[in-house]
N, C-alpha and C. Protein backbone atom coordinates (compact mmCIF):
# COMPACT_ATOMS: atom_id res chain seq x y z
N MET A 1 21.41 -46.95 71.12
CA MET A 1 21.51 -46.14 72.33
C MET A 1 22.81 -45.33 72.29
N THR A 2 22.74 -44.10 72.71
CA THR A 2 23.91 -43.24 72.80
C THR A 2 24.39 -43.25 74.24
N VAL A 3 25.63 -43.61 74.45
CA VAL A 3 26.21 -43.59 75.80
C VAL A 3 26.64 -42.16 76.09
N THR A 4 26.19 -41.65 77.23
CA THR A 4 26.54 -40.29 77.62
C THR A 4 27.32 -40.30 78.92
N PRO A 5 28.01 -39.21 79.21
CA PRO A 5 28.68 -39.11 80.51
C PRO A 5 27.69 -39.27 81.67
N ALA A 6 26.47 -38.80 81.50
CA ALA A 6 25.47 -38.93 82.56
C ALA A 6 25.12 -40.40 82.81
N HIS A 7 25.03 -41.19 81.72
CA HIS A 7 24.76 -42.63 81.91
C HIS A 7 25.87 -43.27 82.74
N LEU A 8 27.11 -42.98 82.39
CA LEU A 8 28.24 -43.59 83.10
C LEU A 8 28.28 -43.13 84.55
N SER A 9 28.03 -41.85 84.78
CA SER A 9 28.02 -41.34 86.15
C SER A 9 26.90 -41.97 86.97
N ALA A 10 25.74 -42.14 86.37
CA ALA A 10 24.61 -42.77 87.08
C ALA A 10 24.94 -44.22 87.43
N LEU A 11 25.58 -44.93 86.52
CA LEU A 11 26.01 -46.30 86.83
C LEU A 11 27.01 -46.31 87.98
N ALA A 12 27.94 -45.36 87.97
CA ALA A 12 28.93 -45.28 89.05
C ALA A 12 28.24 -45.06 90.39
N VAL A 13 27.24 -44.22 90.43
CA VAL A 13 26.51 -43.96 91.68
C VAL A 13 25.83 -45.24 92.16
N ARG A 14 25.23 -45.99 91.22
CA ARG A 14 24.58 -47.25 91.61
C ARG A 14 25.61 -48.25 92.13
N VAL A 15 26.78 -48.32 91.48
CA VAL A 15 27.83 -49.24 91.93
C VAL A 15 28.34 -48.82 93.31
N GLU A 16 28.49 -47.52 93.54
CA GLU A 16 28.92 -47.04 94.85
C GLU A 16 27.92 -47.43 95.94
N ALA A 17 26.63 -47.32 95.63
CA ALA A 17 25.59 -47.70 96.60
C ALA A 17 25.65 -49.20 96.89
N LEU A 18 25.85 -50.01 95.85
CA LEU A 18 25.97 -51.45 96.04
C LEU A 18 27.22 -51.79 96.86
N THR A 19 28.30 -51.09 96.59
CA THR A 19 29.54 -51.29 97.35
C THR A 19 29.30 -51.00 98.83
N ALA A 20 28.64 -49.89 99.11
CA ALA A 20 28.36 -49.51 100.50
C ALA A 20 27.46 -50.56 101.17
N GLU A 21 26.50 -51.07 100.43
CA GLU A 21 25.60 -52.08 100.99
C GLU A 21 26.36 -53.37 101.33
N ILE A 22 27.25 -53.80 100.44
CA ILE A 22 28.04 -55.01 100.70
C ILE A 22 28.95 -54.80 101.91
N ARG A 23 29.61 -53.65 101.97
CA ARG A 23 30.50 -53.37 103.10
C ARG A 23 29.73 -53.37 104.42
N GLN A 24 28.56 -52.73 104.41
CA GLN A 24 27.73 -52.67 105.62
C GLN A 24 27.31 -54.08 106.05
N LEU A 25 26.91 -54.89 105.09
CA LEU A 25 26.50 -56.26 105.39
C LEU A 25 27.66 -57.05 105.99
N CYS A 26 28.83 -56.96 105.37
CA CYS A 26 30.00 -57.69 105.86
C CYS A 26 30.45 -57.19 107.23
N ASP A 27 30.38 -55.88 107.43
CA ASP A 27 30.80 -55.30 108.71
C ASP A 27 29.83 -55.62 109.84
N SER A 28 28.63 -56.05 109.51
CA SER A 28 27.65 -56.38 110.56
C SER A 28 27.93 -57.74 111.20
N VAL A 29 28.82 -58.51 110.59
CA VAL A 29 29.16 -59.83 111.13
C VAL A 29 30.38 -59.67 112.03
N PRO A 30 30.30 -60.08 113.30
CA PRO A 30 31.45 -59.94 114.22
C PRO A 30 32.67 -60.72 113.73
N ALA A 31 33.85 -60.18 114.03
CA ALA A 31 35.11 -60.76 113.56
C ALA A 31 35.33 -62.19 114.01
N GLY A 32 34.90 -62.56 115.16
CA GLY A 32 35.15 -63.91 115.66
C GLY A 32 34.08 -64.93 115.27
N SER A 33 33.04 -64.51 114.59
CA SER A 33 31.94 -65.44 114.27
C SER A 33 32.33 -66.37 113.12
N PRO A 34 31.66 -67.53 113.03
CA PRO A 34 31.96 -68.47 111.95
C PRO A 34 31.65 -67.90 110.56
N GLU A 35 30.74 -66.94 110.46
CA GLU A 35 30.39 -66.34 109.16
C GLU A 35 31.43 -65.35 108.66
N HIS A 36 32.28 -64.87 109.56
CA HIS A 36 33.22 -63.82 109.20
C HIS A 36 34.17 -64.24 108.07
N GLU A 37 34.76 -65.41 108.19
CA GLU A 37 35.76 -65.87 107.21
C GLU A 37 35.17 -66.06 105.80
N PRO A 38 34.00 -66.67 105.65
CA PRO A 38 33.44 -66.82 104.30
C PRO A 38 33.12 -65.49 103.62
N LEU A 39 33.01 -64.42 104.40
CA LEU A 39 32.67 -63.12 103.81
C LEU A 39 33.89 -62.38 103.27
N VAL A 40 35.07 -62.98 103.38
CA VAL A 40 36.28 -62.36 102.82
C VAL A 40 36.10 -62.11 101.32
N ALA A 41 35.54 -63.09 100.62
CA ALA A 41 35.32 -62.94 99.18
C ALA A 41 34.34 -61.81 98.89
N ALA A 42 33.33 -61.66 99.72
CA ALA A 42 32.36 -60.57 99.52
C ALA A 42 33.03 -59.21 99.75
N ARG A 43 33.89 -59.15 100.76
CA ARG A 43 34.63 -57.89 101.01
C ARG A 43 35.52 -57.56 99.82
N GLN A 44 36.17 -58.59 99.25
CA GLN A 44 37.03 -58.37 98.08
C GLN A 44 36.20 -57.89 96.89
N ALA A 45 35.02 -58.47 96.73
CA ALA A 45 34.13 -58.04 95.65
C ALA A 45 33.76 -56.57 95.82
N ALA A 46 33.53 -56.14 97.06
CA ALA A 46 33.21 -54.74 97.32
C ALA A 46 34.36 -53.83 96.90
N GLU A 47 35.59 -54.27 97.14
CA GLU A 47 36.75 -53.47 96.73
C GLU A 47 36.84 -53.37 95.20
N TRP A 48 36.57 -54.48 94.53
CA TRP A 48 36.58 -54.46 93.06
C TRP A 48 35.48 -53.53 92.53
N LEU A 49 34.32 -53.60 93.16
CA LEU A 49 33.23 -52.71 92.76
C LEU A 49 33.61 -51.24 92.97
N ALA A 50 34.27 -50.94 94.09
CA ALA A 50 34.68 -49.57 94.36
C ALA A 50 35.63 -49.07 93.27
N ARG A 51 36.57 -49.92 92.86
CA ARG A 51 37.48 -49.54 91.77
C ARG A 51 36.71 -49.38 90.46
N GLY A 52 35.71 -50.23 90.24
CA GLY A 52 34.87 -50.11 89.04
C GLY A 52 34.11 -48.80 89.01
N ALA A 53 33.60 -48.37 90.16
CA ALA A 53 32.89 -47.09 90.23
C ALA A 53 33.82 -45.94 89.90
N GLU A 54 35.04 -45.99 90.41
CA GLU A 54 36.03 -44.96 90.08
C GLU A 54 36.31 -44.94 88.59
N ASP A 55 36.46 -46.13 87.98
CA ASP A 55 36.72 -46.21 86.55
C ASP A 55 35.56 -45.67 85.72
N LEU A 56 34.33 -45.93 86.18
CA LEU A 56 33.16 -45.39 85.48
C LEU A 56 33.15 -43.87 85.52
N GLN A 57 33.49 -43.30 86.68
CA GLN A 57 33.54 -41.83 86.79
C GLN A 57 34.64 -41.26 85.90
N LEU A 58 35.78 -41.92 85.85
CA LEU A 58 36.86 -41.47 84.96
C LEU A 58 36.43 -41.53 83.50
N ALA A 59 35.75 -42.62 83.12
CA ALA A 59 35.28 -42.76 81.75
C ALA A 59 34.25 -41.68 81.41
N ALA A 60 33.39 -41.34 82.37
CA ALA A 60 32.41 -40.27 82.15
C ALA A 60 33.11 -38.95 81.88
N GLY A 61 34.13 -38.65 82.66
CA GLY A 61 34.89 -37.42 82.44
C GLY A 61 35.61 -37.41 81.09
N ASP A 62 36.21 -38.54 80.74
CA ASP A 62 36.90 -38.64 79.44
C ASP A 62 35.93 -38.45 78.29
N LEU A 63 34.75 -39.06 78.39
CA LEU A 63 33.75 -38.94 77.34
C LEU A 63 33.25 -37.50 77.23
N ALA A 64 33.05 -36.85 78.36
CA ALA A 64 32.60 -35.45 78.36
C ALA A 64 33.65 -34.55 77.69
N ARG A 65 34.91 -34.77 77.99
CA ARG A 65 35.97 -33.97 77.36
C ARG A 65 36.03 -34.22 75.86
N LEU A 66 35.87 -35.47 75.45
CA LEU A 66 35.87 -35.79 74.03
C LEU A 66 34.71 -35.10 73.32
N ARG A 67 33.54 -35.15 73.93
CA ARG A 67 32.38 -34.50 73.32
C ARG A 67 32.59 -32.99 73.18
N ALA A 68 33.24 -32.40 74.17
CA ALA A 68 33.47 -30.95 74.13
C ALA A 68 34.41 -30.57 73.00
N GLN A 69 35.27 -31.49 72.57
CA GLN A 69 36.24 -31.21 71.53
C GLN A 69 35.69 -31.47 70.13
N GLN A 70 34.61 -32.21 70.00
CA GLN A 70 34.08 -32.55 68.68
C GLN A 70 33.38 -31.35 68.07
N THR A 71 33.62 -31.15 66.77
CA THR A 71 32.95 -30.07 66.07
C THR A 71 32.07 -30.63 64.96
N CYS A 72 31.11 -29.86 64.57
CA CYS A 72 30.14 -30.24 63.55
C CYS A 72 30.87 -30.61 62.26
N SER A 73 30.40 -31.67 61.63
CA SER A 73 31.08 -32.19 60.44
C SER A 73 30.58 -31.58 59.13
N MET A 74 29.67 -30.64 59.19
CA MET A 74 29.13 -30.05 57.96
C MET A 74 30.16 -29.12 57.32
N PRO A 75 30.27 -29.15 56.00
CA PRO A 75 31.30 -28.35 55.32
C PRO A 75 30.95 -26.88 55.12
N TRP A 76 29.85 -26.42 55.68
CA TRP A 76 29.49 -25.01 55.59
C TRP A 76 28.97 -24.53 56.93
N GLY A 77 29.15 -23.26 57.21
CA GLY A 77 28.71 -22.69 58.47
C GLY A 77 27.27 -22.21 58.41
N VAL A 78 26.64 -22.13 59.57
CA VAL A 78 25.27 -21.64 59.71
C VAL A 78 25.21 -20.76 60.95
N CYS A 79 24.08 -20.10 61.15
CA CYS A 79 23.86 -19.40 62.41
C CYS A 79 23.64 -20.48 63.47
N PRO A 80 24.40 -20.46 64.57
CA PRO A 80 24.24 -21.51 65.57
C PRO A 80 22.86 -21.54 66.21
N GLU A 81 22.14 -20.45 66.14
CA GLU A 81 20.82 -20.38 66.76
C GLU A 81 19.68 -20.58 65.77
N HIS A 82 19.86 -20.13 64.52
CA HIS A 82 18.75 -20.15 63.56
C HIS A 82 18.98 -21.04 62.34
N GLY A 83 20.17 -21.60 62.21
CA GLY A 83 20.43 -22.52 61.11
C GLY A 83 20.83 -21.84 59.82
N ASN A 84 20.27 -22.31 58.72
CA ASN A 84 20.67 -21.85 57.39
C ASN A 84 19.99 -20.52 57.04
N THR A 85 20.38 -19.49 57.77
CA THR A 85 19.76 -18.17 57.60
C THR A 85 20.80 -17.10 57.32
N LEU A 86 21.97 -17.51 56.81
CA LEU A 86 23.06 -16.56 56.62
C LEU A 86 23.07 -15.98 55.21
N SER A 87 23.47 -14.73 55.15
CA SER A 87 23.81 -14.11 53.87
C SER A 87 25.20 -13.52 54.04
N SER A 88 25.94 -13.49 52.95
CA SER A 88 27.31 -12.96 53.01
C SER A 88 27.50 -11.91 51.93
N LYS A 89 28.22 -10.87 52.31
CA LYS A 89 28.52 -9.79 51.38
C LYS A 89 29.82 -9.14 51.82
N ALA A 90 30.74 -9.03 50.91
CA ALA A 90 32.04 -8.38 51.16
C ALA A 90 32.77 -9.00 52.36
N GLY A 91 32.70 -10.33 52.46
CA GLY A 91 33.43 -11.01 53.52
C GLY A 91 32.79 -10.96 54.90
N VAL A 92 31.57 -10.46 54.99
CA VAL A 92 30.85 -10.40 56.26
C VAL A 92 29.58 -11.24 56.12
N SER A 93 29.36 -12.12 57.09
CA SER A 93 28.16 -12.96 57.10
C SER A 93 27.20 -12.44 58.16
N THR A 94 25.91 -12.45 57.82
CA THR A 94 24.89 -11.94 58.73
C THR A 94 23.73 -12.92 58.77
N CYS A 95 23.23 -13.18 59.97
CA CYS A 95 22.02 -13.99 60.11
C CYS A 95 20.83 -13.09 59.81
N ARG A 96 19.97 -13.53 58.90
CA ARG A 96 18.80 -12.74 58.52
C ARG A 96 17.74 -12.69 59.62
N VAL A 97 17.86 -13.56 60.64
CA VAL A 97 16.88 -13.58 61.72
C VAL A 97 17.34 -12.71 62.90
N CYS A 98 18.51 -13.04 63.46
CA CYS A 98 18.96 -12.33 64.67
C CYS A 98 19.91 -11.17 64.39
N ARG A 99 20.34 -11.05 63.14
CA ARG A 99 21.24 -9.97 62.69
C ARG A 99 22.66 -10.10 63.23
N ARG A 100 22.99 -11.23 63.86
CA ARG A 100 24.36 -11.46 64.32
C ARG A 100 25.27 -11.48 63.10
N THR A 101 26.50 -10.96 63.27
CA THR A 101 27.43 -10.92 62.14
C THR A 101 28.73 -11.63 62.47
N TRP A 102 29.40 -12.11 61.42
CA TRP A 102 30.73 -12.71 61.50
C TRP A 102 31.57 -12.02 60.45
N THR A 103 32.80 -11.71 60.78
CA THR A 103 33.67 -10.96 59.87
C THR A 103 34.41 -11.87 58.91
N TYR A 104 33.73 -12.89 58.42
CA TYR A 104 34.27 -13.80 57.40
C TYR A 104 33.10 -14.46 56.69
N ASP A 105 33.40 -15.11 55.59
CA ASP A 105 32.37 -15.82 54.82
C ASP A 105 32.03 -17.11 55.53
N ARG A 106 31.17 -17.05 56.53
CA ARG A 106 30.83 -18.22 57.35
C ARG A 106 30.24 -19.38 56.54
N PRO A 107 29.33 -19.14 55.59
CA PRO A 107 28.82 -20.27 54.81
C PRO A 107 29.88 -20.92 53.91
N GLY A 108 30.95 -20.23 53.65
CA GLY A 108 32.01 -20.76 52.79
C GLY A 108 33.07 -21.55 53.52
N ARG A 109 32.93 -21.71 54.84
CA ARG A 109 33.90 -22.45 55.65
C ARG A 109 33.22 -23.61 56.37
N PRO A 110 34.02 -24.63 56.76
CA PRO A 110 33.43 -25.71 57.58
C PRO A 110 32.84 -25.15 58.86
N CYS A 111 31.84 -25.81 59.38
CA CYS A 111 31.06 -25.29 60.49
C CYS A 111 31.89 -24.97 61.74
N GLY A 112 32.41 -25.97 62.42
CA GLY A 112 33.22 -25.71 63.61
C GLY A 112 32.47 -25.49 64.91
N GLU A 113 31.13 -25.49 64.88
CA GLU A 113 30.35 -25.38 66.13
C GLU A 113 30.42 -26.71 66.87
N PRO A 114 30.19 -26.71 68.18
CA PRO A 114 30.24 -27.98 68.94
C PRO A 114 29.12 -28.94 68.52
N VAL A 115 29.45 -30.21 68.48
CA VAL A 115 28.47 -31.26 68.18
C VAL A 115 27.50 -31.37 69.35
N THR A 116 26.21 -31.33 69.05
CA THR A 116 25.18 -31.45 70.08
C THR A 116 24.13 -32.49 69.72
N TRP A 117 24.19 -33.03 68.51
CA TRP A 117 23.19 -33.99 68.04
C TRP A 117 23.83 -35.13 67.28
N LYS A 118 23.21 -36.29 67.39
CA LYS A 118 23.54 -37.43 66.54
C LYS A 118 22.29 -37.69 65.72
N VAL A 119 22.45 -37.67 64.39
CA VAL A 119 21.33 -37.88 63.48
C VAL A 119 21.56 -39.20 62.76
N ILE A 120 20.56 -40.07 62.80
CA ILE A 120 20.66 -41.37 62.13
C ILE A 120 19.55 -41.43 61.08
N ASP A 121 19.96 -41.56 59.80
CA ASP A 121 18.95 -41.61 58.75
C ASP A 121 18.37 -43.01 58.59
N ARG A 122 17.42 -43.17 57.66
CA ARG A 122 16.76 -44.47 57.47
C ARG A 122 17.73 -45.59 57.14
N ALA A 123 18.82 -45.26 56.45
CA ALA A 123 19.81 -46.27 56.06
C ALA A 123 20.75 -46.62 57.22
N GLY A 124 20.64 -45.89 58.32
CA GLY A 124 21.51 -46.15 59.47
C GLY A 124 22.77 -45.31 59.50
N THR A 125 22.91 -44.40 58.54
CA THR A 125 24.08 -43.52 58.52
C THR A 125 23.98 -42.51 59.65
N GLU A 126 25.05 -42.39 60.40
CA GLU A 126 25.09 -41.50 61.56
C GLU A 126 25.90 -40.26 61.22
N THR A 127 25.33 -39.09 61.52
CA THR A 127 26.02 -37.81 61.32
C THR A 127 25.91 -37.02 62.61
N ARG A 128 27.01 -36.45 63.02
CA ARG A 128 27.00 -35.60 64.22
C ARG A 128 26.95 -34.15 63.78
N MET A 129 26.04 -33.40 64.40
CA MET A 129 25.77 -32.02 63.98
C MET A 129 25.63 -31.08 65.17
N CYS A 130 25.73 -29.81 64.85
CA CYS A 130 25.48 -28.75 65.83
C CYS A 130 23.99 -28.41 65.85
N ASP A 131 23.60 -27.54 66.77
CA ASP A 131 22.20 -27.11 66.88
C ASP A 131 21.71 -26.46 65.59
N GLY A 132 22.52 -25.59 64.99
CA GLY A 132 22.11 -24.88 63.78
C GLY A 132 21.86 -25.82 62.61
N HIS A 133 22.75 -26.77 62.40
CA HIS A 133 22.58 -27.69 61.28
C HIS A 133 21.42 -28.67 61.50
N VAL A 134 21.15 -29.03 62.73
CA VAL A 134 20.05 -29.97 62.96
C VAL A 134 18.71 -29.34 62.62
N LEU A 135 18.62 -28.02 62.69
CA LEU A 135 17.37 -27.35 62.30
C LEU A 135 17.04 -27.66 60.84
N GLY A 136 18.03 -27.53 59.97
CA GLY A 136 17.82 -27.83 58.56
C GLY A 136 17.61 -29.32 58.31
N ALA A 137 18.32 -30.15 59.05
CA ALA A 137 18.20 -31.59 58.87
C ALA A 137 16.80 -32.06 59.25
N ARG A 138 16.23 -31.49 60.28
CA ARG A 138 14.87 -31.89 60.69
C ARG A 138 13.87 -31.63 59.57
N ALA A 139 14.07 -30.54 58.83
CA ALA A 139 13.15 -30.20 57.75
C ALA A 139 13.43 -31.03 56.50
N ALA A 140 14.67 -31.45 56.29
CA ALA A 140 15.05 -32.09 55.03
C ALA A 140 15.10 -33.61 55.07
N VAL A 141 15.37 -34.20 56.22
CA VAL A 141 15.58 -35.64 56.29
C VAL A 141 14.34 -36.31 56.87
N ARG A 142 13.72 -37.15 56.08
CA ARG A 142 12.51 -37.85 56.54
C ARG A 142 12.90 -39.12 57.30
N GLU A 143 12.11 -39.41 58.32
CA GLU A 143 12.25 -40.64 59.10
C GLU A 143 13.63 -40.81 59.73
N ALA A 144 14.28 -39.73 60.05
CA ALA A 144 15.57 -39.81 60.74
C ALA A 144 15.33 -39.80 62.24
N THR A 145 16.31 -40.28 62.96
CA THR A 145 16.28 -40.24 64.42
C THR A 145 17.23 -39.15 64.88
N PHE A 146 16.75 -38.27 65.73
CA PHE A 146 17.55 -37.17 66.24
C PHE A 146 17.78 -37.38 67.73
N LEU A 147 19.03 -37.56 68.11
CA LEU A 147 19.38 -37.82 69.51
C LEU A 147 20.22 -36.66 70.04
N ARG A 148 19.70 -35.98 71.05
CA ARG A 148 20.43 -34.88 71.69
C ARG A 148 21.56 -35.49 72.50
N LEU A 149 22.77 -34.97 72.31
CA LEU A 149 23.93 -35.45 73.06
C LEU A 149 24.14 -34.55 74.27
N GLU A 150 24.62 -35.15 75.32
CA GLU A 150 24.95 -34.38 76.51
C GLU A 150 26.19 -33.55 76.21
N VAL A 151 26.11 -32.27 76.46
CA VAL A 151 27.24 -31.38 76.24
C VAL A 151 27.69 -30.86 77.59
N PRO A 152 28.98 -31.07 77.94
CA PRO A 152 29.44 -30.62 79.25
C PRO A 152 29.43 -29.10 79.34
N SER A 153 29.25 -28.62 80.56
CA SER A 153 29.27 -27.17 80.78
C SER A 153 30.70 -26.66 80.63
N PRO A 154 30.87 -25.37 80.32
CA PRO A 154 32.21 -24.82 80.16
C PRO A 154 33.09 -24.95 81.40
N GLN A 155 32.47 -25.08 82.60
CA GLN A 155 33.25 -25.22 83.83
C GLN A 155 33.88 -26.60 83.93
N GLY A 156 33.45 -27.57 83.12
CA GLY A 156 34.04 -28.89 83.18
C GLY A 156 33.00 -29.91 83.34
């Protein structure tokens, strides 16, 4: 299983709901009643859960930032939209499909596109790739598992 920022955020929401439910339950018991004192531990548990929910949200944000910083590990560049469709001439690379150009030998340099996929081959080897490289991997690697990673939006 791939842990994503969305998984952590969803867990935090569930913990927040449980925290609210515990607080509501404890608050429904009048302060002077015999049940009030034994619920001190439950109230404390709700506070711990609230801190846990905050920590889960922080972890989700940290994971999202880390994912945004990761770049494709392939040692050659591709068209981010069409994959291995580049030709290079006189230091200019062009995608043969969309005609997009780069003013450098893109196939001759490491990729550098954001990681958007985790690919696990039959032997269990994990490789993180961009959209362009996963196109070629889907055609070349048999019986691999392709897992789309959550990529944070540019706004954060």
